[in-house]
C-alpha atoms as a PDB file:
ATOM      1  CA  MET A   1     127.921  52.432  62.067  1.00  0.00           C
ATOM      2  CA  ARG A   2     126.283  55.397  64.009  1.00  0.00           C
ATOM      3  CA  THR A   3     122.834  55.330  65.358  1.00  0.00           C
ATOM      4  CA  TRP A   4     120.202  57.799  64.515  1.00  0.00           C
ATOM      5  CA  LYS A   5     120.277  59.174  68.069  1.00  0.00           C
ATOM      6  CA  GLU A   6     124.226  59.896  67.939  1.00  0.00           C
ATOM      7  CA  ILE A   7     123.563  61.628  64.329  1.00  0.00           C
ATOM      8  CA  CYS A   8     121.038  63.508  66.092  1.00  0.00           C
ATOM      9  CA  GLU A   9     123.460  64.719  69.144  1.00  0.00           C
ATOM     10  CA  ASP A  10     126.441  65.042  66.836  1.00  0.00           C
ATOM     11  CA  ARG A  11     126.778  68.917  66.992  1.00  0.00           C
ATOM     12  CA  ASN A  12     128.354  69.083  63.711  1.00  0.00           C
ATOM     13  CA  MET A  13     124.702  68.611  62.644  1.00  0.00           C
ATOM     14  CA  GLU A  14     123.421  71.272  64.031  1.00  0.00           C
ATOM     15  CA  ASP A  15     121.592  74.179  61.895  1.00  0.00           C
ATOM     16  CA  LEU A  16     122.181  72.402  58.559  1.00  0.00           C
ATOM     17  CA  PRO A  17     120.082  73.653  55.795  1.00  0.00           C
ATOM     18  CA  TYR A  18     118.907  70.488  54.765  1.00  0.00           C
ATOM     19  CA  LYS A  19     117.034  67.357  55.359  1.00  0.00           C
ATOM     20  CA  VAL A  20     119.133  64.503  57.033  1.00  0.00           C
ATOM     21  CA  GLU A  21     118.132  60.580  56.606  1.00  0.00           C
ATOM     22  CA  THR A  22     120.467  57.731  56.067  1.00  0.00           C
ATOM     23  CA  ASN A  23     120.689  54.985  53.869  1.00  0.00           C
ATOM     24  CA  ARG A  24     120.823  51.222  54.684  1.00  0.00           C
ATOM     25  CA  LEU A  25     124.612  51.377  55.210  1.00  0.00           C
ATOM     26  CA  GLY A  26     124.191  54.115  57.854  1.00  0.00           C
ATOM     27  CA  GLN A  27     125.509  56.986  55.742  1.00  0.00           C
ATOM     28  CA  VAL A  28     124.261  60.396  56.442  1.00  0.00           C
ATOM     29  CA  ILE A  29     122.118  61.831  53.165  1.00  0.00           C
ATOM     30  CA  LEU A  30     121.672  65.648  52.986  1.00  0.00           C
ATOM     31  CA  SER A  31     118.893  67.070  50.783  1.00  0.00           C
ATOM     32  CA  PRO A  32     118.769  70.742  50.423  1.00  0.00           C
ATOM     33  CA  ARG A  33     115.582  72.495  51.466  1.00  0.00           C
ATOM     34  CA  GLU A  34     114.131  75.917  50.069  1.00  0.00           C
ATOM     35  CA  ASN A  35     111.868  78.134  51.926  1.00  0.00           C
ATOM     36  CA  TRP A  36     108.851  77.283  49.925  1.00  0.00           C
ATOM     37  CA  GLN A  37     109.215  73.615  51.041  1.00  0.00           C
ATOM     38  CA  GLY A  38     109.303  75.247  54.735  1.00  0.00           C
ATOM     39  CA  CYS A  39     106.058  76.925  54.132  1.00  0.00           C
ATOM     40  CA  LEU A  40     104.145  73.963  52.595  1.00  0.00           C
ATOM     41  CA  GLN A  41     105.508  71.931  55.681  1.00  0.00           C
ATOM     42  CA  ALA A  42     103.735  74.374  58.417  1.00  0.00           C
ATOM     43  CA  GLU A  43     100.555  74.728  56.372  1.00  0.00           C
ATOM     44  CA  ILE A  44     100.293  70.974  56.218  1.00  0.00           C
ATOM     45  CA  GLY A  45     101.177  70.559  59.688  1.00  0.00           C
ATOM     46  CA  ALA A  46      98.491  73.120  60.900  1.00  0.00           C
ATOM     47  CA  LEU A  47      95.971  71.777  58.735  1.00  0.00           C
ATOM     48  CA  LEU A  48      96.555  68.133  60.156  1.00  0.00           C
ATOM     49  CA  GLN A  49      96.523  69.164  63.709  1.00  0.00           C
ATOM     50  CA  ARG A  50      93.263  70.696  63.108  1.00  0.00           C
ATOM     51  CA  HIS A  51      91.742  67.890  61.268  1.00  0.00           C
ATOM     52  CA  ARG A  52      92.998  65.049  63.620  1.00  0.00           C
ATOM     53  CA  PHE A  53      92.386  65.613  67.204  1.00  0.00           C
ATOM     54  CA  ALA A  54      93.241  62.367  69.126  1.00  0.00           C
ATOM     55  CA  GLY A  55      97.003  62.401  67.926  1.00  0.00           C
ATOM     56  CA  LYS A  56      99.706  64.598  67.257  1.00  0.00           C
ATOM     57  CA  CYS A  57     101.404  66.212  63.931  1.00  0.00           C
ATOM     58  CA  ILE A  58     105.005  65.741  63.904  1.00  0.00           C
ATOM     59  CA  LEU A  59     107.380  67.570  61.785  1.00  0.00           C
ATOM     60  CA  SER A  60     110.515  65.638  60.351  1.00  0.00           C
ATOM     61  CA  CYS A  61     109.791  62.343  62.160  1.00  0.00           C
ATOM     62  CA  ALA A  62     112.308  60.006  61.786  1.00  0.00           C
ATOM     63  CA  VAL A  63     111.410  56.387  61.022  1.00  0.00           C
ATOM     64  CA  GLU A  64     113.552  53.527  60.927  1.00  0.00           C
ATOM     65  CA  THR A  65     112.893  51.608  57.831  1.00  0.00           C
ATOM     66  CA  SER A  66     114.712  48.677  55.839  1.00  0.00           C
ATOM     67  CA  ASP A  67     116.708  51.328  53.871  1.00  0.00           C
ATOM     68  CA  GLY A  68     118.019  53.445  57.008  1.00  0.00           C
ATOM     69  CA  VAL A  69     116.251  56.369  58.597  1.00  0.00           C
ATOM     70  CA  LYS A  70     113.926  58.074  56.494  1.00  0.00           C
ATOM     71  CA  VAL A  71     112.030  61.517  57.548  1.00  0.00           C
ATOM     72  CA  PRO A  72     108.964  62.305  56.158  1.00  0.00           C
ATOM     73  CA  ASP A  73     108.302  66.214  56.116  1.00  0.00           C
ATOM     74  CA  VAL A  74     105.315  66.066  58.002  1.00  0.00           C
ATOM     75  CA  ALA A  75     103.610  62.988  60.071  1.00  0.00           C
ATOM     76  CA  TRP A  76     100.182  62.541  61.884  1.00  0.00           C
ATOM     77  CA  ILE A  77     100.327  59.832  64.505  1.00  0.00           C
ATOM     78  CA  SER A  78      97.776  58.766  67.120  1.00  0.00           C
ATOM     79  CA  ASP A  79      98.239  58.741  70.684  1.00  0.00           C
ATOM     80  CA  ASP A  80      98.249  55.237  71.280  1.00  0.00           C
ATOM     81  CA  ARG A  81     100.742  54.738  68.759  1.00  0.00           C
ATOM     82  CA  LEU A  82     103.297  57.390  69.745  1.00  0.00           C
ATOM     83  CA  ARG A  83     103.063  56.752  73.386  1.00  0.00           C
ATOM     84  CA  PRO A  84     105.696  53.800  73.585  1.00  0.00           C
ATOM     85  CA  HIS A  85     108.142  55.844  71.420  1.00  0.00           C
ATOM     86  CA  ARG A  86     107.427  59.506  72.480  1.00  0.00           C
ATOM     87  CA  ARG A  87     111.151  59.863  73.802  1.00  0.00           C
ATOM     88  CA  SER A  88     112.975  57.960  71.122  1.00  0.00           C
ATOM     89  CA  ALA A  89     114.990  59.424  68.856  1.00  0.00           C
ATOM     90  CA  SER A  90     113.583  57.652  66.028  1.00  0.00           C
ATOM     91  CA  MET A  91     110.352  55.597  65.512  1.00  0.00           C
ATOM     92  CA  PRO A  92     110.561  51.775  64.854  1.00  0.00           C
ATOM     93  CA  ILE A  93     107.064  52.144  63.278  1.00  0.00           C
ATOM     94  CA  ALA A  94     105.877  54.785  60.974  1.00  0.00           C
ATOM     95  CA  PRO A  95     102.901  57.327  61.607  1.00  0.00           C
ATOM     96  CA  GLU A  96      99.546  56.696  60.382  1.00  0.00           C
ATOM     97  CA  ILE A  97     100.300  59.479  57.925  1.00  0.00           C
ATOM     98  CA  CYS A  98     103.411  60.422  56.435  1.00  0.00           C
ATOM     99  CA  VAL A  99     103.843  63.375  53.964  1.00  0.00           C
ATOM    100  CA  GLU A 100     106.552  64.507  51.601  1.00  0.00           C
ATOM    101  CA  VAL A 101     106.698  67.837  50.216  1.00  0.00           C
ATOM    102  CA  ARG A 102     108.592  67.013  46.964  1.00  0.00           C
ATOM    103  CA  SER A 103     111.476  69.316  45.923  1.00  0.00           C
ATOM    104  CA  TYR A 104     112.678  69.534  42.281  1.00  0.00           C
ATOM    105  CA  SER A 105     115.545  67.103  42.928  1.00  0.00           C
ATOM    106  CA  ASN A 106     113.157  64.254  44.016  1.00  0.00           C
ATOM    107  CA  SER A 107     112.642  61.720  41.449  1.00  0.00           C
ATOM    108  CA  VAL A 108     109.079  59.517  41.218  1.00  0.00           C
ATOM    109  CA  VAL A 109     111.241  56.501  41.691  1.00  0.00           C
ATOM    110  CA  GLU A 110     112.820  57.667  44.993  1.00  0.00           C
ATOM    111  CA  MET A 111     109.610  59.207  46.186  1.00  0.00           C
ATOM    112  CA  MET A 112     107.790  55.716  45.300  1.00  0.00           C
ATOM    113  CA  GLY A 113     110.427  53.998  47.009  1.00  0.00           C
ATOM    114  CA  LYS A 114     109.583  56.215  50.262  1.00  0.00           C
ATOM    115  CA  MET A 115     106.259  55.386  50.190  1.00  0.00           C
ATOM    116  CA  GLN A 116     106.753  51.544  50.007  1.00  0.00           C
ATOM    117  CA  LEU A 117     109.054  51.931  53.217  1.00  0.00           C
ATOM    118  CA  TYR A 118     106.694  53.841  55.200  1.00  0.00           C
ATOM    119  CA  PHE A 119     103.870  51.459  54.086  1.00  0.00           C
ATOM    120  CA  ALA A 120     106.149  48.403  55.342  1.00  0.00           C
ATOM    121  CA  ARG A 121     106.517  50.161  58.607  1.00  0.00           C
ATOM    122  CA  GLY A 122     102.931  50.503  59.318  1.00  0.00           C
ATOM    123  CA  ALA A 123     101.784  53.722  57.523  1.00  0.00           C
ATOM    124  CA  GLU A 124      98.168  53.788  56.673  1.00  0.00           C
ATOM    125  CA  GLU A 125      98.495  56.783  54.068  1.00  0.00           C
ATOM    126  CA  VAL A 126     101.300  58.506  52.433  1.00  0.00           C
ATOM    127  CA  TRP A 127     100.764  61.942  50.911  1.00  0.00           C
ATOM    128  CA  PHE A 128     102.768  63.795  48.356  1.00  0.00           C
ATOM    129  CA  CYS A 129     102.696  67.574  47.872  1.00  0.00           C
ATOM    130  CA  ASP A 130     104.410  69.012  44.917  1.00  0.00           C
ATOM    131  CA  GLU A 131     106.025  72.523  44.296  1.00  0.00           C
ATOM    132  CA  ASP A 132     102.581  74.194  43.600  1.00  0.00           C
ATOM    133  CA  GLY A 133     100.652  72.889  46.513  1.00  0.00           C
ATOM    134  CA  ASN A 134      98.885  69.911  44.617  1.00  0.00           C
ATOM    135  CA  MET A 135      98.240  66.875  47.225  1.00  0.00           C
ATOM    136  CA  THR A 136      98.631  63.455  45.994  1.00  0.00           C
ATOM    137  CA  PHE A 137      97.215  60.681  48.467  1.00  0.00           C
ATOM    138  CA  TYR A 138      98.244  57.018  48.559  1.00  0.00           C
ATOM    139  CA  ARG A 139      96.583  54.439  51.088  1.00  0.00           C
ATOM    140  CA  HIS A 140      98.000  51.081  51.726  1.00  0.00           C
ATOM    141  CA  ASP A 141      94.809  49.327  50.644  1.00  0.00           C
ATOM    142  CA  VAL A 142      94.285  51.729  47.307  1.00  0.00           C
ATOM    143  CA  PRO A 143      96.785  52.688  44.839  1.00  0.00           C
ATOM    144  CA  GLU A 144      96.115  56.399  44.226  1.00  0.00           C
ATOM    145  CA  ALA A 145      92.755  57.623  46.107  1.00  0.00           C
ATOM    146  CA  THR A 146      91.522  61.077  45.287  1.00  0.00           C
ATOM    147  CA  THR A 147      91.192  61.991  49.057  1.00  0.00           C
ATOM    148  CA  SER A 148      92.413  61.098  52.651  1.00  0.00           C
ATOM    149  CA  LYS A 149      90.454  58.213  54.229  1.00  0.00           C
ATOM    150  CA  LEU A 150      91.790  59.666  57.820  1.00  0.00           C
ATOM    151  CA  CYS A 151      91.256  63.057  56.882  1.00  0.00           C
ATOM    152  CA  PRO A 152      88.651  63.598  54.284  1.00  0.00           C
ATOM    153  CA  ASP A 153      88.530  67.025  54.640  1.00  0.00           C
ATOM    154  CA  PHE A 154      91.967  67.838  53.770  1.00  0.00           C
ATOM    155  CA  PRO A 155      92.531  70.007  50.571  1.00  0.00           C
ATOM    156  CA  VAL A 156      93.874  68.671  47.264  1.00  0.00           C
ATOM    157  CA  LYS A 157      95.248  72.100  46.701  1.00  0.00           C
ATOM    158  CA  PHE A 158      97.156  74.508  48.465  1.00  0.00           C
ATOM    159  CA  GLU A 159      97.086  78.282  47.568  1.00  0.00           C
ATOM    160  CA  TRP A 160     100.414  79.583  49.153  1.00  0.00           C
END
């Protein structure tokens, strides 16, 4: 089974127009990405960086889970949590905030499964953004919240 670092260093994987993840068997999973998803990722990342000061925003942060390496589209991680893993190919612990931009092909079951995997690795919040820019916030201590506890001023809807 190949490691995440080996997958990242594979020249055949360069410049793919896909989100790359693995499953628990180490098989590579490719999910097609559309331009609108990239736009929303950039907007969410820029807002997170402005709202959260003592940390970093990471686009496509690789998180080791019990079901392989999953890659939230956008993440915010505190400096303390990031420091021991700055140079790692993947993170053994999830960032505090993991954001998934839902595509048309993502099922609710798939998204809820990813949320549970991120929470199991220490995420405090998991956010979903749909194709219309609507945000849904989940916290490890509250099933569905109307806002983020870590970033309470974050908008619930993007106009883009």
